[in-house]
Amino acid sequence: MKYDIYYLQKDLRKKEIVLEELKAKETEKTSIKEIELKAKELLNMDYPKDGQIKYIDVDN
């Protein structure tokens, strides 16, 4: 019984790794335009207006 559980857990971990790799590849394929479109449509995001931008001066 312990033998079966060990190999089932090992197989599950391998499949989880494959799934993580596939998710990473899918993320890499997402273009900037797709991200921008999702941000605008799903999250109602847009570029800031001129009055919404604040600049700070950082002394080196």
PDB file of N, CA and C in Angstrom:
ATOM      1  N   MET A   1       0.828  -1.202   0.000  1.00  0.00           N
ATOM      2  CA  MET A   1       0.000   0.000   0.000  1.00  0.00           C
ATOM      3  C   MET A   1       0.868   1.261   0.000  1.00  0.00           C
ATOM      4  N   LYS A   2       1.884   1.317   0.878  1.00  0.00           N
ATOM      5  CA  LYS A   2       2.779   2.464   0.915  1.00  0.00           C
ATOM      6  C   LYS A   2       3.493   2.626  -0.422  1.00  0.00           C
ATOM      7  N   TYR A   3       3.796   1.504  -1.040  1.00  0.00           N
ATOM      8  CA  TYR A   3       4.467   1.482  -2.337  1.00  0.00           C
ATOM      9  C   TYR A   3       3.609   2.196  -3.374  1.00  0.00           C
ATOM     10  N   ASP A   4       2.335   1.864  -3.410  1.00  0.00           N
ATOM     11  CA  ASP A   4       1.416   2.474  -4.370  1.00  0.00           C
ATOM     12  C   ASP A   4       1.271   3.977  -4.128  1.00  0.00           C
ATOM     13  N   ILE A   5       1.126   4.361  -2.881  1.00  0.00           N
ATOM     14  CA  ILE A   5       0.960   5.772  -2.544  1.00  0.00           C
ATOM     15  C   ILE A   5       2.196   6.559  -2.959  1.00  0.00           C
ATOM     16  N   TYR A   6       3.364   6.012  -2.700  1.00  0.00           N
ATOM     17  CA  TYR A   6       4.613   6.683  -3.061  1.00  0.00           C
ATOM     18  C   TYR A   6       4.662   6.960  -4.561  1.00  0.00           C
ATOM     19  N   TYR A   7       4.378   5.946  -5.360  1.00  0.00           N
ATOM     20  CA  TYR A   7       4.455   6.113  -6.810  1.00  0.00           C
ATOM     21  C   TYR A   7       3.318   6.983  -7.359  1.00  0.00           C
ATOM     22  N   LEU A   8       2.175   6.946  -6.730  1.00  0.00           N
ATOM     23  CA  LEU A   8       1.087   7.840  -7.131  1.00  0.00           C
ATOM     24  C   LEU A   8       1.448   9.301  -6.839  1.00  0.00           C
ATOM     25  N   GLN A   9       2.052   9.539  -5.680  1.00  0.00           N
ATOM     26  CA  GLN A   9       2.474  10.893  -5.336  1.00  0.00           C
ATOM     27  C   GLN A   9       3.580  11.374  -6.271  1.00  0.00           C
ATOM     28  N   LYS A  10       4.485  10.480  -6.598  1.00  0.00           N
ATOM     29  CA  LYS A  10       5.577  10.810  -7.512  1.00  0.00           C
ATOM     30  C   LYS A  10       5.019  11.163  -8.894  1.00  0.00           C
ATOM     31  N   ASP A  11       4.068  10.375  -9.373  1.00  0.00           N
ATOM     32  CA  ASP A  11       3.441  10.630 -10.666  1.00  0.00           C
ATOM     33  C   ASP A  11       2.664  11.952 -10.643  1.00  0.00           C
ATOM     34  N   LEU A  12       1.968  12.204  -9.549  1.00  0.00           N
ATOM     35  CA  LEU A  12       1.228  13.458  -9.409  1.00  0.00           C
ATOM     36  C   LEU A  12       2.175  14.649  -9.469  1.00  0.00           C
ATOM     37  N   ARG A  13       3.294  14.560  -8.784  1.00  0.00           N
ATOM     38  CA  ARG A  13       4.265  15.664  -8.781  1.00  0.00           C
ATOM     39  C   ARG A  13       4.800  15.921 -10.189  1.00  0.00           C
ATOM     40  N   LYS A  14       5.076  14.863 -10.940  1.00  0.00           N
ATOM     41  CA  LYS A  14       5.548  15.021 -12.322  1.00  0.00           C
ATOM     42  C   LYS A  14       4.504  15.746 -13.164  1.00  0.00           C
ATOM     43  N   LYS A  15       3.253  15.386 -12.976  1.00  0.00           N
ATOM     44  CA  LYS A  15       2.180  16.015 -13.744  1.00  0.00           C
ATOM     45  C   LYS A  15       1.982  17.466 -13.325  1.00  0.00           C
ATOM     46  N   GLU A  16       2.171  17.758 -12.051  1.00  0.00           N
ATOM     47  CA  GLU A  16       2.077  19.142 -11.585  1.00  0.00           C
ATOM     48  C   GLU A  16       3.182  19.996 -12.206  1.00  0.00           C
ATOM     49  N   ILE A  17       4.372  19.418 -12.332  1.00  0.00           N
ATOM     50  CA  ILE A  17       5.490  20.134 -12.948  1.00  0.00           C
ATOM     51  C   ILE A  17       5.187  20.423 -14.414  1.00  0.00           C
ATOM     52  N   VAL A  18       4.657  19.422 -15.118  1.00  0.00           N
ATOM     53  CA  VAL A  18       4.295  19.612 -16.527  1.00  0.00           C
ATOM     54  C   VAL A  18       3.237  20.706 -16.650  1.00  0.00           C
ATOM     55  N   LEU A  19       2.249  20.699 -15.769  1.00  0.00           N
ATOM     56  CA  LEU A  19       1.198  21.718 -15.789  1.00  0.00           C
ATOM     57  C   LEU A  19       1.780  23.111 -15.560  1.00  0.00           C
ATOM     58  N   GLU A  20       2.693  23.243 -14.602  1.00  0.00           N
ATOM     59  CA  GLU A  20       3.326  24.536 -14.336  1.00  0.00           C
ATOM     60  C   GLU A  20       4.106  25.022 -15.551  1.00  0.00           C
ATOM     61  N   GLU A  21       4.806  24.105 -16.226  1.00  0.00           N
ATOM     62  CA  GLU A  21       5.564  24.467 -17.423  1.00  0.00           C
ATOM     63  C   GLU A  21       4.628  24.930 -18.538  1.00  0.00           C
ATOM     64  N   LEU A  22       3.503  24.246 -18.706  1.00  0.00           N
ATOM     65  CA  LEU A  22       2.539  24.638 -19.733  1.00  0.00           C
ATOM     66  C   LEU A  22       1.932  26.003 -19.434  1.00  0.00           C
ATOM     67  N   LYS A  23       1.637  26.259 -18.167  1.00  0.00           N
ATOM     68  CA  LYS A  23       1.104  27.569 -17.790  1.00  0.00           C
ATOM     69  C   LYS A  23       2.127  28.665 -18.064  1.00  0.00           C
ATOM     70  N   ALA A  24       3.404  28.383 -17.790  1.00  0.00           N
ATOM     71  CA  ALA A  24       4.458  29.367 -18.045  1.00  0.00           C
ATOM     72  C   ALA A  24       4.583  29.645 -19.537  1.00  0.00           C
ATOM     73  N   LYS A  25       4.497  28.606 -20.352  1.00  0.00           N
ATOM     74  CA  LYS A  25       4.576  28.792 -21.805  1.00  0.00           C
ATOM     75  C   LYS A  25       3.396  29.611 -22.312  1.00  0.00           C
ATOM     76  N   GLU A  26       2.221  29.364 -21.780  1.00  0.00           N
ATOM     77  CA  GLU A  26       1.027  30.113 -22.184  1.00  0.00           C
ATOM     78  C   GLU A  26       1.175  31.584 -21.811  1.00  0.00           C
ATOM     79  N   THR A  27       1.735  31.830 -20.642  1.00  0.00           N
ATOM     80  CA  THR A  27       1.952  33.202 -20.198  1.00  0.00           C
ATOM     81  C   THR A  27       2.932  33.914 -21.118  1.00  0.00           C
ATOM     82  N   GLU A  28       3.970  33.211 -21.553  1.00  0.00           N
ATOM     83  CA  GLU A  28       4.954  33.800 -22.459  1.00  0.00           C
ATOM     84  C   GLU A  28       4.327  34.178 -23.792  1.00  0.00           C
ATOM     85  N   LYS A  29       3.331  33.428 -24.213  1.00  0.00           N
ATOM     86  CA  LYS A  29       2.701  33.666 -25.509  1.00  0.00           C
ATOM     87  C   LYS A  29       1.748  34.854 -25.492  1.00  0.00           C
ATOM     88  N   THR A  30       1.358  35.290 -24.320  1.00  0.00           N
ATOM     89  CA  THR A  30       0.423  36.402 -24.209  1.00  0.00           C
ATOM     90  C   THR A  30       1.121  37.687 -24.638  1.00  0.00           C
ATOM     91  N   SER A  31       0.582  38.332 -25.626  1.00  0.00           N
ATOM     92  CA  SER A  31       1.198  39.552 -26.150  1.00  0.00           C
ATOM     93  C   SER A  31       0.828  40.759 -25.292  1.00  0.00           C
ATOM     94  N   ILE A  32       1.583  41.799 -25.465  1.00  0.00           N
ATOM     95  CA  ILE A  32       1.318  43.038 -24.747  1.00  0.00           C
ATOM     96  C   ILE A  32      -0.063  43.580 -25.111  1.00  0.00           C
ATOM     97  N   LYS A  33      -0.437  43.452 -26.369  1.00  0.00           N
ATOM     98  CA  LYS A  33      -1.751  43.938 -26.809  1.00  0.00           C
ATOM     99  C   LYS A  33      -2.875  43.171 -26.113  1.00  0.00           C
ATOM    100  N   GLU A  34      -2.698  41.859 -25.943  1.00  0.00           N
ATOM    101  CA  GLU A  34      -3.719  41.064 -25.252  1.00  0.00           C
ATOM    102  C   GLU A  34      -3.837  41.491 -23.798  1.00  0.00           C
ATOM    103  N   ILE A  35      -2.702  41.731 -23.167  1.00  0.00           N
ATOM    104  CA  ILE A  35      -2.701  42.160 -21.771  1.00  0.00           C
ATOM    105  C   ILE A  35      -3.392  43.514 -21.644  1.00  0.00           C
ATOM    106  N   GLU A  36      -3.067  44.422 -22.559  1.00  0.00           N
ATOM    107  CA  GLU A  36      -3.688  45.749 -22.544  1.00  0.00           C
ATOM    108  C   GLU A  36      -5.199  45.648 -22.739  1.00  0.00           C
ATOM    109  N   LEU A  37      -5.629  44.806 -23.664  1.00  0.00           N
ATOM    110  CA  LEU A  37      -7.053  44.632 -23.933  1.00  0.00           C
ATOM    111  C   LEU A  37      -7.781  44.064 -22.711  1.00  0.00           C
ATOM    112  N   LYS A  38      -7.197  43.060 -22.074  1.00  0.00           N
ATOM    113  CA  LYS A  38      -7.809  42.480 -20.874  1.00  0.00           C
ATOM    114  C   LYS A  38      -7.871  43.505 -19.749  1.00  0.00           C
ATOM    115  N   ALA A  39      -6.809  44.288 -19.599  1.00  0.00           N
ATOM    116  CA  ALA A  39      -6.792  45.308 -18.549  1.00  0.00           C
ATOM    117  C   ALA A  39      -7.906  46.327 -18.763  1.00  0.00           C
ATOM    118  N   LYS A  40      -8.102  46.733 -20.013  1.00  0.00           N
ATOM    119  CA  LYS A  40      -9.143  47.724 -20.308  1.00  0.00           C
ATOM    120  C   LYS A  40     -10.542  47.141 -20.163  1.00  0.00           C
ATOM    121  N   GLU A  41     -10.755  45.934 -20.702  1.00  0.00           N
ATOM    122  CA  GLU A  41     -12.102  45.356 -20.713  1.00  0.00           C
ATOM    123  C   GLU A  41     -12.505  44.743 -19.376  1.00  0.00           C
ATOM    124  N   LEU A  42     -11.610  43.974 -18.776  1.00  0.00           N
ATOM    125  CA  LEU A  42     -11.977  43.256 -17.556  1.00  0.00           C
ATOM    126  C   LEU A  42     -11.791  44.083 -16.289  1.00  0.00           C
ATOM    127  N   LEU A  43     -10.774  44.953 -16.285  1.00  0.00           N
ATOM    128  CA  LEU A  43     -10.453  45.691 -15.067  1.00  0.00           C
ATOM    129  C   LEU A  43     -10.741  47.186 -15.167  1.00  0.00           C
ATOM    130  N   ASN A  44     -11.276  47.608 -16.324  1.00  0.00           N
ATOM    131  CA  ASN A  44     -11.564  49.031 -16.556  1.00  0.00           C
ATOM    132  C   ASN A  44     -10.340  49.917 -16.325  1.00  0.00           C
ATOM    133  N   MET A  45      -9.175  49.418 -16.716  1.00  0.00           N
ATOM    134  CA  MET A  45      -7.940  50.186 -16.568  1.00  0.00           C
ATOM    135  C   MET A  45      -7.683  50.971 -17.849  1.00  0.00           C
ATOM    136  N   ASP A  46      -6.973  52.075 -17.713  1.00  0.00           N
ATOM    137  CA  ASP A  46      -6.581  52.873 -18.862  1.00  0.00           C
ATOM    138  C   ASP A  46      -5.313  53.629 -18.481  1.00  0.00           C
ATOM    139  N   TYR A  47      -4.685  54.235 -19.466  1.00  0.00           N
ATOM    140  CA  TYR A  47      -3.494  55.023 -19.193  1.00  0.00           C
ATOM    141  C   TYR A  47      -3.887  56.260 -18.397  1.00  0.00           C
ATOM    142  N   PRO A  48      -3.002  56.726 -17.514  1.00  0.00           N
ATOM    143  CA  PRO A  48      -3.345  57.895 -16.700  1.00  0.00           C
ATOM    144  C   PRO A  48      -3.421  59.166 -17.542  1.00  0.00           C
ATOM    145  N   LYS A  49      -4.282  60.057 -17.125  1.00  0.00           N
ATOM    146  CA  LYS A  49      -4.401  61.366 -17.759  1.00  0.00           C
ATOM    147  C   LYS A  49      -3.246  62.238 -17.254  1.00  0.00           C
ATOM    148  N   ASP A  50      -2.982  63.341 -17.946  1.00  0.00           N
ATOM    149  CA  ASP A  50      -1.863  64.209 -17.569  1.00  0.00           C
ATOM    150  C   ASP A  50      -1.961  64.690 -16.122  1.00  0.00           C
ATOM    151  N   GLY A  51      -3.151  65.007 -15.671  1.00  0.00           N
ATOM    152  CA  GLY A  51      -3.329  65.498 -14.309  1.00  0.00           C
ATOM    153  C   GLY A  51      -3.178  64.421 -13.245  1.00  0.00           C
ATOM    154  N   GLN A  52      -3.147  63.176 -13.658  1.00  0.00           N
ATOM    155  CA  GLN A  52      -3.037  62.075 -12.704  1.00  0.00           C
ATOM    156  C   GLN A  52      -1.592  61.626 -12.490  1.00  0.00           C
ATOM    157  N   ILE A  53      -0.668  62.179 -13.248  1.00  0.00           N
ATOM    158  CA  ILE A  53       0.729  61.760 -13.161  1.00  0.00           C
ATOM    159  C   ILE A  53       1.475  62.690 -12.216  1.00  0.00           C
ATOM    160  N   LYS A  54       2.180  62.124 -11.275  1.00  0.00           N
ATOM    161  CA  LYS A  54       3.004  62.890 -10.342  1.00  0.00           C
ATOM    162  C   LYS A  54       4.447  62.428 -10.508  1.00  0.00           C
ATOM    163  N   TYR A  55       5.347  63.374 -10.663  1.00  0.00           N
ATOM    164  CA  TYR A  55       6.764  63.067 -10.787  1.00  0.00           C
ATOM    165  C   TYR A  55       7.449  63.388  -9.468  1.00  0.00           C
ATOM    166  N   ILE A  56       8.409  62.566  -9.112  1.00  0.00           N
ATOM    167  CA  ILE A  56       9.173  62.825  -7.898  1.00  0.00           C
ATOM    168  C   ILE A  56      10.642  62.957  -8.275  1.00  0.00           C
ATOM    169  N   ASP A  57      11.350  63.762  -7.521  1.00  0.00           N
ATOM    170  CA  ASP A  57      12.772  63.959  -7.754  1.00  0.00           C
ATOM    171  C   ASP A  57      13.533  63.138  -6.722  1.00  0.00           C
ATOM    172  N   VAL A  58      14.395  62.283  -7.214  1.00  0.00           N
ATOM    173  CA  VAL A  58      15.179  61.445  -6.316  1.00  0.00           C
ATOM    174  C   VAL A  58      16.629  61.887  -6.419  1.00  0.00           C
ATOM    175  N   ASP A  59      17.166  62.364  -5.308  1.00  0.00           N
ATOM    176  CA  ASP A  59      18.575  62.777  -5.302  1.00  0.00           C
ATOM    177  C   ASP A  59      19.454  61.544  -5.204  1.00  0.00           C
ATOM    178  N   ASN A  60      20.514  61.558  -5.996  1.00  0.00           N
ATOM    179  CA  ASN A  60      21.436  60.404  -5.973  1.00  0.00           C
ATOM    180  C   ASN A  60      22.447  60.565  -4.911  1.00  0.00           C
TER     181      ASN A  60
END
